[in-house]
Amino acid sequence: MKILGIFAGRPRQVSEFWLQTALKAAADEGAEVELINLRDLKIHPCTGCRVCHKDRFRTGEGGECIFKDDMPWVDEKILECDGMIVCMPCFENSPPSEFKLLLDRLGPSHDVVAVRDGHEKLLAAGKKGVDERWFKKRPCAFISHGGSEWTTLGLPVMSVMAVPLGMKIVDLINFSFNMHCAMDEKNIERVRRLGRTVAKNMGLPEDQMKYMGDFGHCPMCHNSTMVLGKKADDVTCAVCGIKGTISVEDGEIKISYDPKQFELSHVTDSGKYIHLLDMNSQGKEEMRKWREVAPQMEKLIRDGTSYFTVSKPDRK
């Protein structure tokens, strides 16, 4: 079984070191491994044109991006793998632009529940379905690292990658002040453990895959980045969206959840399906409203974007 390793950074520097350390441990467990550097790829920014998915909810068609770049190659690498390890540095408290470009392109066109819904519609219409490798349940792990303490958004942003691809997060590591982390054998062994964890979870049914990383306040995605409302029962996981109630017990922060919330998590198929239905029904309502006011809306936008001209560099 194969693990795909993804990083974005200078060759043979810290990101690749941590990734190769994890992959070597996975290989020692018998896994086949492959790694790619996003800096070697041409991935165009998503423009939000919706061409890739606008027909999927209706007929099952769609999925082809208008840009001709390396995304189909990346897609095939994802389909080939049985597990994934992603390692990214922190640039301004979050992963670098290469990762964000990839993440944006893994939008609705790659969401496994939307893809499965389209697949079933195609089959029902007597047409060929999509590649069923999209529906494989894959374990994944993320490693974030940065040169200061300002790495708090690294893992949450990276973990969003598990949502559209339907992957199961089985480990998370963040290294702050990472310049000398590799000199500590405990850190190296911790990364090796992450690699072994992914290898051991490959091929298992989702309910048998086990998270073996450090504590996180969210029991679903295992992150601890929360959106706090004004009241104790208004706490939302910033990654997967489940809501809980915060309290302090014996000096420790506790967040409790109604088990019904677990079905709403965006890292679960049930949560993604509910999200799909919400988008579908809300989308139809928004489209109905838009048709009623389309001429006025188009004039409003046209007039409202005519105040100033956009500055551009002189390319002569």
C-alpha atoms as a PDB file:
ATOM      1  CA  MET A   1       0.000   0.000   0.000  1.00  0.00           C
ATOM      2  CA  LYS A   2       1.195   3.467  -0.874  1.00  0.00           C
ATOM      3  CA  ILE A   3       1.643   6.694   1.096  1.00  0.00           C
ATOM      4  CA  LEU A   4       1.814  10.004  -0.743  1.00  0.00           C
ATOM      5  CA  GLY A   5       3.988  12.633   0.923  1.00  0.00           C
ATOM      6  CA  ILE A   6       3.403  16.287   0.034  1.00  0.00           C
ATOM      7  CA  PHE A   7       5.516  19.270   1.032  1.00  0.00           C
ATOM      8  CA  ALA A   8       6.196  22.800  -0.179  1.00  0.00           C
ATOM      9  CA  GLY A   9       9.608  24.247   0.443  1.00  0.00           C
ATOM     10  CA  ARG A  10      13.226  24.394  -0.524  1.00  0.00           C
ATOM     11  CA  PRO A  11      14.633  21.002  -1.511  1.00  0.00           C
ATOM     12  CA  ARG A  12      16.540  19.146   1.197  1.00  0.00           C
ATOM     13  CA  GLN A  13      15.591  21.610   3.918  1.00  0.00           C
ATOM     14  CA  VAL A  14      13.451  21.312   7.058  1.00  0.00           C
ATOM     15  CA  SER A  15      10.073  20.431   5.487  1.00  0.00           C
ATOM     16  CA  GLU A  16      11.528  17.702   3.332  1.00  0.00           C
ATOM     17  CA  PHE A  17      13.601  16.417   6.252  1.00  0.00           C
ATOM     18  CA  TRP A  18      10.535  15.915   8.451  1.00  0.00           C
ATOM     19  CA  LEU A  19       8.536  14.414   5.613  1.00  0.00           C
ATOM     20  CA  GLN A  20      11.256  11.988   4.581  1.00  0.00           C
ATOM     21  CA  THR A  21      11.745  11.009   8.219  1.00  0.00           C
ATOM     22  CA  ALA A  22       8.058  10.101   8.483  1.00  0.00           C
ATOM     23  CA  LEU A  23       8.035   8.335   5.113  1.00  0.00           C
ATOM     24  CA  LYS A  24      11.139   6.306   6.002  1.00  0.00           C
ATOM     25  CA  ALA A  25       9.405   5.046   9.146  1.00  0.00           C
ATOM     26  CA  ALA A  26       6.340   4.157   7.071  1.00  0.00           C
ATOM     27  CA  ALA A  27       8.510   2.368   4.520  1.00  0.00           C
ATOM     28  CA  ASP A  28      10.088   0.362   7.338  1.00  0.00           C
ATOM     29  CA  GLU A  29       6.552  -0.830   8.116  1.00  0.00           C
ATOM     30  CA  GLY A  30       6.257  -2.098   4.547  1.00  0.00           C
ATOM     31  CA  ALA A  31       4.581   0.880   2.896  1.00  0.00           C
ATOM     32  CA  GLU A  32       5.432   2.057  -0.597  1.00  0.00           C
ATOM     33  CA  VAL A  33       6.092   5.801  -0.572  1.00  0.00           C
ATOM     34  CA  GLU A  34       6.195   8.702  -3.002  1.00  0.00           C
ATOM     35  CA  LEU A  35       6.786  12.381  -2.296  1.00  0.00           C
ATOM     36  CA  ILE A  36       6.091  15.536  -4.266  1.00  0.00           C
ATOM     37  CA  ASN A  37       7.123  19.156  -3.767  1.00  0.00           C
ATOM     38  CA  LEU A  38       4.333  21.587  -4.643  1.00  0.00           C
ATOM     39  CA  ARG A  39       6.981  24.090  -5.730  1.00  0.00           C
ATOM     40  CA  ASP A  40       7.725  21.837  -8.702  1.00  0.00           C
ATOM     41  CA  LEU A  41       4.144  22.076  -9.939  1.00  0.00           C
ATOM     42  CA  LYS A  42       2.095  24.579 -11.875  1.00  0.00           C
ATOM     43  CA  ILE A  43      -1.249  24.940 -10.118  1.00  0.00           C
ATOM     44  CA  HIS A  44      -3.406  27.856 -11.177  1.00  0.00           C
ATOM     45  CA  PRO A  45      -5.382  29.792  -8.545  1.00  0.00           C
ATOM     46  CA  CYS A  46      -9.055  28.861  -8.391  1.00  0.00           C
ATOM     47  CA  THR A  47     -11.171  31.711  -9.788  1.00  0.00           C
ATOM     48  CA  GLY A  48     -14.486  30.533  -8.353  1.00  0.00           C
ATOM     49  CA  CYS A  49     -16.030  30.186 -11.828  1.00  0.00           C
ATOM     50  CA  ARG A  50     -17.907  27.002 -10.764  1.00  0.00           C
ATOM     51  CA  VAL A  51     -17.379  25.274 -14.110  1.00  0.00           C
ATOM     52  CA  CYS A  52     -15.915  22.236 -12.307  1.00  0.00           C
ATOM     53  CA  HIS A  53     -19.031  21.546 -10.270  1.00  0.00           C
ATOM     54  CA  LYS A  54     -22.025  23.638 -11.360  1.00  0.00           C
ATOM     55  CA  ASP A  55     -23.704  20.694 -13.150  1.00  0.00           C
ATOM     56  CA  ARG A  56     -22.731  18.026 -10.639  1.00  0.00           C
ATOM     57  CA  PHE A  57     -25.630  18.639  -8.267  1.00  0.00           C
ATOM     58  CA  ARG A  58     -28.116  18.428 -11.147  1.00  0.00           C
ATOM     59  CA  THR A  59     -26.841  15.750 -13.534  1.00  0.00           C
ATOM     60  CA  GLY A  60     -23.613  14.373 -12.098  1.00  0.00           C
ATOM     61  CA  GLU A  61     -21.594  15.951 -14.896  1.00  0.00           C
ATOM     62  CA  GLY A  62     -18.731  18.356 -14.344  1.00  0.00           C
ATOM     63  CA  GLY A  63     -15.380  18.110 -12.662  1.00  0.00           C
ATOM     64  CA  GLU A  64     -13.172  19.433 -15.456  1.00  0.00           C
ATOM     65  CA  CYS A  65     -11.315  22.647 -14.658  1.00  0.00           C
ATOM     66  CA  ILE A  66     -10.925  25.277 -17.385  1.00  0.00           C
ATOM     67  CA  PHE A  67      -7.207  25.581 -16.607  1.00  0.00           C
ATOM     68  CA  LYS A  68      -4.692  23.218 -18.140  1.00  0.00           C
ATOM     69  CA  ASP A  69      -2.102  22.774 -15.433  1.00  0.00           C
ATOM     70  CA  ASP A  70      -0.726  20.041 -13.163  1.00  0.00           C
ATOM     71  CA  MET A  71      -3.895  19.385 -11.133  1.00  0.00           C
ATOM     72  CA  PRO A  72      -4.880  16.260 -13.127  1.00  0.00           C
ATOM     73  CA  TRP A  73      -1.403  14.876 -12.357  1.00  0.00           C
ATOM     74  CA  VAL A  74      -1.924  15.641  -8.650  1.00  0.00           C
ATOM     75  CA  ASP A  75      -5.366  14.042  -8.793  1.00  0.00           C
ATOM     76  CA  GLU A  76      -3.872  10.820 -10.123  1.00  0.00           C
ATOM     77  CA  LYS A  77      -1.244  10.803  -7.364  1.00  0.00           C
ATOM     78  CA  ILE A  78      -4.025  11.157  -4.803  1.00  0.00           C
ATOM     79  CA  LEU A  79      -6.047   8.366  -6.397  1.00  0.00           C
ATOM     80  CA  GLU A  80      -3.022   6.064  -6.438  1.00  0.00           C
ATOM     81  CA  CYS A  81      -2.286   6.439  -2.725  1.00  0.00           C
ATOM     82  CA  ASP A  82      -3.764   4.666   0.289  1.00  0.00           C
ATOM     83  CA  GLY A  83      -2.615   7.229   2.835  1.00  0.00           C
ATOM     84  CA  MET A  84      -1.149  10.720   2.943  1.00  0.00           C
ATOM     85  CA  ILE A  85       1.380  12.714   4.975  1.00  0.00           C
ATOM     86  CA  VAL A  86       1.615  16.473   4.426  1.00  0.00           C
ATOM     87  CA  CYS A  87       4.398  18.657   5.844  1.00  0.00           C
ATOM     88  CA  MET A  88       4.404  22.445   5.510  1.00  0.00           C
ATOM     89  CA  PRO A  89       6.353  25.364   6.942  1.00  0.00           C
ATOM     90  CA  CYS A  90       4.471  28.309   8.396  1.00  0.00           C
ATOM     91  CA  PHE A  91       4.668  31.532   6.416  1.00  0.00           C
ATOM     92  CA  GLU A  92       2.852  34.301   8.325  1.00  0.00           C
ATOM     93  CA  ASN A  93       1.277  31.841  10.773  1.00  0.00           C
ATOM     94  CA  SER A  94      -0.133  29.473   8.142  1.00  0.00           C
ATOM     95  CA  PRO A  95       1.001  27.177   5.302  1.00  0.00           C
ATOM     96  CA  PRO A  96       2.604  28.776   2.242  1.00  0.00           C
ATOM     97  CA  SER A  97       0.799  29.859  -0.903  1.00  0.00           C
ATOM     98  CA  GLU A  98       1.545  26.647  -2.807  1.00  0.00           C
ATOM     99  CA  PHE A  99      -0.509  24.689  -0.280  1.00  0.00           C
ATOM    100  CA  LYS A 100      -3.362  27.204  -0.314  1.00  0.00           C
ATOM    101  CA  LEU A 101      -3.507  27.024  -4.123  1.00  0.00           C
ATOM    102  CA  LEU A 102      -3.864  23.256  -3.919  1.00  0.00           C
ATOM    103  CA  LEU A 103      -6.430  23.463  -1.122  1.00  0.00           C
ATOM    104  CA  ASP A 104      -8.643  25.871  -3.060  1.00  0.00           C
ATOM    105  CA  ARG A 105      -8.585  23.589  -6.092  1.00  0.00           C
ATOM    106  CA  LEU A 106      -9.754  20.692  -3.893  1.00  0.00           C
ATOM    107  CA  GLY A 107     -13.117  22.384  -3.542  1.00  0.00           C
ATOM    108  CA  PRO A 108     -16.577  21.024  -4.453  1.00  0.00           C
ATOM    109  CA  SER A 109     -15.228  19.306  -7.561  1.00  0.00           C
ATOM    110  CA  HIS A 110     -13.209  16.973  -5.312  1.00  0.00           C
ATOM    111  CA  ASP A 111     -15.581  16.622  -2.358  1.00  0.00           C
ATOM    112  CA  VAL A 112     -16.120  12.891  -2.034  1.00  0.00           C
ATOM    113  CA  VAL A 113     -19.786  13.176  -1.057  1.00  0.00           C
ATOM    114  CA  ALA A 114     -20.535  15.505  -3.976  1.00  0.00           C
ATOM    115  CA  VAL A 115     -18.554  13.223  -6.281  1.00  0.00           C
ATOM    116  CA  ARG A 116     -20.452  10.165  -5.014  1.00  0.00           C
ATOM    117  CA  ASP A 117     -23.779  11.970  -5.478  1.00  0.00           C
ATOM    118  CA  GLY A 118     -22.801  12.803  -9.054  1.00  0.00           C
ATOM    119  CA  HIS A 119     -21.556   9.251  -9.586  1.00  0.00           C
ATOM    120  CA  GLU A 120     -24.939   7.815  -8.598  1.00  0.00           C
ATOM    121  CA  LYS A 121     -26.769  10.252 -10.868  1.00  0.00           C
ATOM    122  CA  LEU A 122     -24.583   9.239 -13.799  1.00  0.00           C
ATOM    123  CA  LEU A 123     -25.195   5.546 -13.183  1.00  0.00           C
ATOM    124  CA  ALA A 124     -28.930   6.140 -12.847  1.00  0.00           C
ATOM    125  CA  ALA A 125     -28.860   7.870 -16.237  1.00  0.00           C
ATOM    126  CA  GLY A 126     -27.115   4.859 -17.775  1.00  0.00           C
ATOM    127  CA  LYS A 127     -23.808   6.689 -18.092  1.00  0.00           C
ATOM    128  CA  LYS A 128     -20.311   5.824 -16.951  1.00  0.00           C
ATOM    129  CA  GLY A 129     -19.614   6.837 -13.380  1.00  0.00           C
ATOM    130  CA  VAL A 130     -16.504   8.457 -11.952  1.00  0.00           C
ATOM    131  CA  ASP A 131     -13.309   6.719 -10.847  1.00  0.00           C
ATOM    132  CA  GLU A 132     -14.328   4.860  -7.693  1.00  0.00           C
ATOM    133  CA  ARG A 133     -10.875   5.328  -6.192  1.00  0.00           C
ATOM    134  CA  TRP A 134     -12.205   8.716  -5.038  1.00  0.00           C
ATOM    135  CA  PHE A 135     -14.283   6.865  -2.460  1.00  0.00           C
ATOM    136  CA  LYS A 136     -11.362   5.080  -0.820  1.00  0.00           C
ATOM    137  CA  LYS A 137     -11.031   5.974   2.863  1.00  0.00           C
ATOM    138  CA  ARG A 138      -7.468   7.158   3.462  1.00  0.00           C
ATOM    139  CA  PRO A 139      -5.678   7.924   6.738  1.00  0.00           C
ATOM    140  CA  CYS A 140      -3.738  11.184   6.744  1.00  0.00           C
ATOM    141  CA  ALA A 141      -1.389  13.098   9.026  1.00  0.00           C
ATOM    142  CA  PHE A 142      -0.115  16.673   9.017  1.00  0.00           C
ATOM    143  CA  ILE A 143       3.176  18.194  10.188  1.00  0.00           C
ATOM    144  CA  SER A 144       3.435  21.961  10.618  1.00  0.00           C
ATOM    145  CA  HIS A 145       6.583  23.817  11.602  1.00  0.00           C
ATOM    146  CA  GLY A 146       7.781  27.392  11.906  1.00  0.00           C
ATOM    147  CA  GLY A 147      10.665  29.500  13.135  1.00  0.00           C
ATOM    148  CA  SER A 148       8.817  31.157  16.027  1.00  0.00           C
ATOM    149  CA  GLU A 149       5.818  30.616  18.291  1.00  0.00           C
ATOM    150  CA  TRP A 150       3.554  32.045  15.557  1.00  0.00           C
ATOM    151  CA  THR A 151       2.448  28.707  14.101  1.00  0.00           C
ATOM    152  CA  THR A 152      -1.058  28.524  15.548  1.00  0.00           C
ATOM    153  CA  LEU A 153      -2.914  28.390  12.220  1.00  0.00           C
ATOM    154  CA  GLY A 154      -0.594  25.871  10.570  1.00  0.00           C
ATOM    155  CA  LEU A 155      -2.353  22.645  11.513  1.00  0.00           C
ATOM    156  CA  PRO A 156      -5.939  23.989  11.354  1.00  0.00           C
ATOM    157  CA  VAL A 157      -5.476  25.246   7.789  1.00  0.00           C
ATOM    158  CA  MET A 158      -3.685  22.067   6.721  1.00  0.00           C
ATOM    159  CA  SER A 159      -6.339  19.872   8.327  1.00  0.00           C
ATOM    160  CA  VAL A 160      -9.008  21.361   6.059  1.00  0.00           C
ATOM    161  CA  MET A 161      -7.438  19.278   3.284  1.00  0.00           C
ATOM    162  CA  ALA A 162      -8.954  16.186   4.906  1.00  0.00           C
ATOM    163  CA  VAL A 163     -12.485  17.539   4.429  1.00  0.00           C
ATOM    164  CA  PRO A 164     -13.073  17.422   0.644  1.00  0.00           C
ATOM    165  CA  LEU A 165     -10.981  14.275   0.191  1.00  0.00           C
ATOM    166  CA  GLY A 166     -12.817  12.475   2.991  1.00  0.00           C
ATOM    167  CA  MET A 167      -9.576  11.473   4.705  1.00  0.00           C
ATOM    168  CA  LYS A 168      -9.308  10.321   8.316  1.00  0.00           C
ATOM    169  CA  ILE A 169      -6.870  12.375  10.408  1.00  0.00           C
ATOM    170  CA  VAL A 170      -4.758   9.961  12.480  1.00  0.00           C
ATOM    171  CA  ASP A 171      -1.932  12.232  13.686  1.00  0.00           C
ATOM    172  CA  LEU A 172      -0.957  15.904  13.970  1.00  0.00           C
ATOM    173  CA  ILE A 173       2.374  17.512  14.877  1.00  0.00           C
ATOM    174  CA  ASN A 174       3.345  21.163  15.198  1.00  0.00           C
ATOM    175  CA  PHE A 175       6.914  22.342  15.835  1.00  0.00           C
ATOM    176  CA  SER A 176       7.371  25.951  16.911  1.00  0.00           C
ATOM    177  CA  PHE A 177      10.877  27.449  16.980  1.00  0.00           C
ATOM    178  CA  ASN A 178      11.790  24.598  14.656  1.00  0.00           C
ATOM    179  CA  MET A 179      15.333  25.657  13.725  1.00  0.00           C
ATOM    180  CA  HIS A 180      16.948  23.172  16.127  1.00  0.00           C
ATOM    181  CA  CYS A 181      14.083  20.683  16.588  1.00  0.00           C
ATOM    182  CA  ALA A 182      15.791  18.118  14.404  1.00  0.00           C
ATOM    183  CA  MET A 183      18.676  17.956  16.873  1.00  0.00           C
ATOM    184  CA  ASP A 184      16.372  16.407  19.475  1.00  0.00           C
ATOM    185  CA  GLU A 185      15.994  12.656  19.035  1.00  0.00           C
ATOM    186  CA  LYS A 186      12.620  12.793  20.795  1.00  0.00           C
ATOM    187  CA  ASN A 187      11.266  14.980  17.993  1.00  0.00           C
ATOM    188  CA  ILE A 188      12.666  12.692  15.327  1.00  0.00           C
ATOM    189  CA  GLU A 189      11.106   9.677  17.007  1.00  0.00           C
ATOM    190  CA  ARG A 190       7.803  11.545  17.280  1.00  0.00           C
ATOM    191  CA  VAL A 191       7.795  12.104  13.512  1.00  0.00           C
ATOM    192  CA  ARG A 192       8.717   8.481  12.936  1.00  0.00           C
ATOM    193  CA  ARG A 193       5.731   7.494  15.047  1.00  0.00           C
ATOM    194  CA  LEU A 194       3.506   9.615  12.820  1.00  0.00           C
ATOM    195  CA  GLY A 195       4.786   7.770   9.757  1.00  0.00           C
ATOM    196  CA  ARG A 196       4.172   4.408  11.377  1.00  0.00           C
ATOM    197  CA  THR A 197       0.678   5.503  12.430  1.00  0.00           C
ATOM    198  CA  VAL A 198      -0.346   6.297   8.867  1.00  0.00           C
ATOM    199  CA  ALA A 199       1.151   3.038   7.606  1.00  0.00           C
ATOM    200  CA  LYS A 200      -0.683   0.969  10.215  1.00  0.00           C
ATOM    201  CA  ASN A 201      -4.037   2.628   9.502  1.00  0.00           C
ATOM    202  CA  MET A 202      -3.955   2.130   5.735  1.00  0.00           C
ATOM    203  CA  GLY A 203      -6.518  -0.291   4.404  1.00  0.00           C
ATOM    204  CA  LEU A 204      -8.584  -0.359   7.597  1.00  0.00           C
ATOM    205  CA  PRO A 205     -12.304   0.453   7.673  1.00  0.00           C
ATOM    206  CA  GLU A 206     -12.871   4.016   8.842  1.00  0.00           C
ATOM    207  CA  ASP A 207     -14.314   2.948  12.194  1.00  0.00           C
ATOM    208  CA  GLN A 208     -11.140   0.981  12.909  1.00  0.00           C
ATOM    209  CA  MET A 209      -8.704   3.784  12.077  1.00  0.00           C
ATOM    210  CA  LYS A 210      -7.296   5.270  15.274  1.00  0.00           C
ATOM    211  CA  TYR A 211      -6.044   8.758  16.006  1.00  0.00           C
ATOM    212  CA  MET A 212      -2.699   8.364  17.771  1.00  0.00           C
ATOM    213  CA  GLY A 213      -1.553  11.974  17.981  1.00  0.00           C
ATOM    214  CA  ASP A 214      -1.512  14.547  20.743  1.00  0.00           C
ATOM    215  CA  PHE A 215      -4.610  15.878  22.506  1.00  0.00           C
ATOM    216  CA  GLY A 216      -6.965  18.216  20.652  1.00  0.00           C
ATOM    217  CA  HIS A 217     -10.162  19.776  21.991  1.00  0.00           C
ATOM    218  CA  CYS A 218     -12.145  18.580  18.956  1.00  0.00           C
ATOM    219  CA  PRO A 219     -12.783  14.812  19.105  1.00  0.00           C
ATOM    220  CA  MET A 220     -13.433  14.649  15.356  1.00  0.00           C
ATOM    221  CA  CYS A 221     -10.536  16.501  13.672  1.00  0.00           C
ATOM    222  CA  HIS A 222      -8.371  16.670  16.847  1.00  0.00           C
ATOM    223  CA  ASN A 223      -7.559  20.368  16.422  1.00  0.00           C
ATOM    224  CA  SER A 224      -7.901  22.895  19.239  1.00  0.00           C
ATOM    225  CA  THR A 225      -8.621  26.062  17.275  1.00  0.00           C
ATOM    226  CA  MET A 226     -12.114  27.181  18.260  1.00  0.00           C
ATOM    227  CA  VAL A 227     -14.423  30.056  17.385  1.00  0.00           C
ATOM    228  CA  LEU A 228     -15.799  31.464  20.636  1.00  0.00           C
ATOM    229  CA  GLY A 229     -19.219  33.091  20.785  1.00  0.00           C
ATOM    230  CA  LYS A 230     -20.511  35.247  23.610  1.00  0.00           C
ATOM    231  CA  LYS A 231     -21.921  32.355  25.631  1.00  0.00           C
ATOM    232  CA  ALA A 232     -20.388  29.178  27.042  1.00  0.00           C
ATOM    233  CA  ASP A 233     -22.481  26.953  24.772  1.00  0.00           C
ATOM    234  CA  ASP A 234     -21.443  28.813  21.625  1.00  0.00           C
ATOM    235  CA  VAL A 235     -18.112  27.182  20.767  1.00  0.00           C
ATOM    236  CA  THR A 236     -17.407  25.993  17.217  1.00  0.00           C
ATOM    237  CA  CYS A 237     -14.471  23.952  15.926  1.00  0.00           C
ATOM    238  CA  ALA A 238     -12.818  26.141  13.295  1.00  0.00           C
ATOM    239  CA  VAL A 239     -11.909  23.119  11.158  1.00  0.00           C
ATOM    240  CA  CYS A 240     -14.857  20.730  11.126  1.00  0.00           C
ATOM    241  CA  GLY A 241     -17.677  22.887  12.453  1.00  0.00           C
ATOM    242  CA  ILE A 242     -19.063  20.935  15.410  1.00  0.00           C
ATOM    243  CA  LYS A 243     -20.441  22.996  18.311  1.00  0.00           C
ATOM    244  CA  GLY A 244     -19.819  22.502  22.005  1.00  0.00           C
ATOM    245  CA  THR A 245     -19.940  24.038  25.464  1.00  0.00           C
ATOM    246  CA  ILE A 246     -16.833  25.364  27.190  1.00  0.00           C
ATOM    247  CA  SER A 247     -16.120  25.155  30.907  1.00  0.00           C
ATOM    248  CA  VAL A 248     -13.199  25.253  33.316  1.00  0.00           C
ATOM    249  CA  GLU A 249     -12.822  22.340  35.717  1.00  0.00           C
ATOM    250  CA  ASP A 250      -9.997  22.239  38.249  1.00  0.00           C
ATOM    251  CA  GLY A 251      -8.153  24.833  36.225  1.00  0.00           C
ATOM    252  CA  GLU A 252      -8.452  22.886  32.971  1.00  0.00           C
ATOM    253  CA  ILE A 253     -10.437  23.955  29.926  1.00  0.00           C
ATOM    254  CA  LYS A 254     -13.079  21.424  28.934  1.00  0.00           C
ATOM    255  CA  ILE A 255     -15.298  21.422  25.854  1.00  0.00           C
ATOM    256  CA  SER A 256     -18.256  19.065  25.917  1.00  0.00           C
ATOM    257  CA  TYR A 257     -20.302  18.045  22.880  1.00  0.00           C
ATOM    258  CA  ASP A 258     -23.724  16.599  22.263  1.00  0.00           C
ATOM    259  CA  PRO A 259     -22.994  13.312  20.401  1.00  0.00           C
ATOM    260  CA  LYS A 260     -25.459  14.443  17.710  1.00  0.00           C
ATOM    261  CA  GLN A 261     -22.861  17.057  16.747  1.00  0.00           C
ATOM    262  CA  PHE A 262     -20.457  14.342  15.617  1.00  0.00           C
ATOM    263  CA  GLU A 263     -22.728  13.506  12.673  1.00  0.00           C
ATOM    264  CA  LEU A 264     -22.491  17.155  11.556  1.00  0.00           C
ATOM    265  CA  SER A 265     -18.685  17.284  11.459  1.00  0.00           C
ATOM    266  CA  HIS A 266     -17.321  18.175   8.042  1.00  0.00           C
ATOM    267  CA  VAL A 267     -14.724  15.430   8.337  1.00  0.00           C
ATOM    268  CA  THR A 268     -17.487  12.801   8.283  1.00  0.00           C
ATOM    269  CA  ASP A 269     -19.479  11.674   5.256  1.00  0.00           C
ATOM    270  CA  SER A 270     -22.724  12.396   7.133  1.00  0.00           C
ATOM    271  CA  GLY A 271     -21.628  15.957   7.880  1.00  0.00           C
ATOM    272  CA  LYS A 272     -20.487  16.543   4.315  1.00  0.00           C
ATOM    273  CA  TYR A 273     -23.774  15.156   2.986  1.00  0.00           C
ATOM    274  CA  ILE A 274     -25.781  17.495   5.217  1.00  0.00           C
ATOM    275  CA  HIS A 275     -23.585  20.334   3.984  1.00  0.00           C
ATOM    276  CA  LEU A 276     -24.225  19.215   0.399  1.00  0.00           C
ATOM    277  CA  LEU A 277     -27.991  19.223   0.944  1.00  0.00           C
ATOM    278  CA  ASP A 278     -27.789  22.659   2.558  1.00  0.00           C
ATOM    279  CA  MET A 279     -25.819  24.030  -0.389  1.00  0.00           C
ATOM    280  CA  ASN A 280     -28.174  22.368  -2.848  1.00  0.00           C
ATOM    281  CA  SER A 281     -31.384  23.683  -1.291  1.00  0.00           C
ATOM    282  CA  GLN A 282     -29.908  27.065  -0.443  1.00  0.00           C
ATOM    283  CA  GLY A 283     -28.368  27.268  -3.900  1.00  0.00           C
ATOM    284  CA  LYS A 284     -31.742  26.690  -5.547  1.00  0.00           C
ATOM    285  CA  GLU A 285     -33.314  29.364  -3.365  1.00  0.00           C
ATOM    286  CA  GLU A 286     -30.499  31.798  -4.109  1.00  0.00           C
ATOM    287  CA  MET A 287     -30.821  31.092  -7.834  1.00  0.00           C
ATOM    288  CA  ARG A 288     -34.578  31.708  -7.676  1.00  0.00           C
ATOM    289  CA  LYS A 289     -34.012  35.032  -5.931  1.00  0.00           C
ATOM    290  CA  TRP A 290     -31.244  35.943  -8.383  1.00  0.00           C
ATOM    291  CA  ARG A 291     -33.474  35.318 -11.418  1.00  0.00           C
ATOM    292  CA  GLU A 292     -36.071  37.678  -9.972  1.00  0.00           C
ATOM    293  CA  VAL A 293     -33.589  40.519  -9.628  1.00  0.00           C
ATOM    294  CA  ALA A 294     -30.957  39.609 -12.232  1.00  0.00           C
ATOM    295  CA  PRO A 295     -31.194  42.781 -14.353  1.00  0.00           C
ATOM    296  CA  GLN A 296     -31.123  45.035 -11.299  1.00  0.00           C
ATOM    297  CA  MET A 297     -28.325  43.015  -9.719  1.00  0.00           C
ATOM    298  CA  GLU A 298     -26.186  43.157 -12.844  1.00  0.00           C
ATOM    299  CA  LYS A 299     -26.678  46.936 -13.078  1.00  0.00           C
ATOM    300  CA  LEU A 300     -25.899  47.351  -9.385  1.00  0.00           C
ATOM    301  CA  ILE A 301     -22.637  45.432  -9.729  1.00  0.00           C
ATOM    302  CA  ARG A 302     -21.722  47.146 -12.989  1.00  0.00           C
ATOM    303  CA  ASP A 303     -22.304  50.600 -11.514  1.00  0.00           C
ATOM    304  CA  GLY A 304     -20.698  49.687  -8.198  1.00  0.00           C
ATOM    305  CA  THR A 305     -17.485  48.569  -9.861  1.00  0.00           C
ATOM    306  CA  SER A 306     -17.127  51.640 -12.069  1.00  0.00           C
ATOM    307  CA  TYR A 307     -15.903  54.107  -9.474  1.00  0.00           C
ATOM    308  CA  PHE A 308     -12.203  53.393  -9.917  1.00  0.00           C
ATOM    309  CA  THR A 309      -9.872  51.648 -12.333  1.00  0.00           C
ATOM    310  CA  VAL A 310      -7.695  48.741 -11.251  1.00  0.00           C
ATOM    311  CA  SER A 311      -3.983  49.517 -11.155  1.00  0.00           C
ATOM    312  CA  LYS A 312      -1.682  47.102 -12.969  1.00  0.00           C
ATOM    313  CA  PRO A 313       2.094  47.007 -13.357  1.00  0.00           C
ATOM    314  CA  ASP A 314       3.577  48.174 -16.608  1.00  0.00           C
ATOM    315  CA  ARG A 315       4.793  44.991 -18.346  1.00  0.00           C
ATOM    316  CA  LYS A 316       6.443  46.725 -21.302  1.00  0.00           C
END
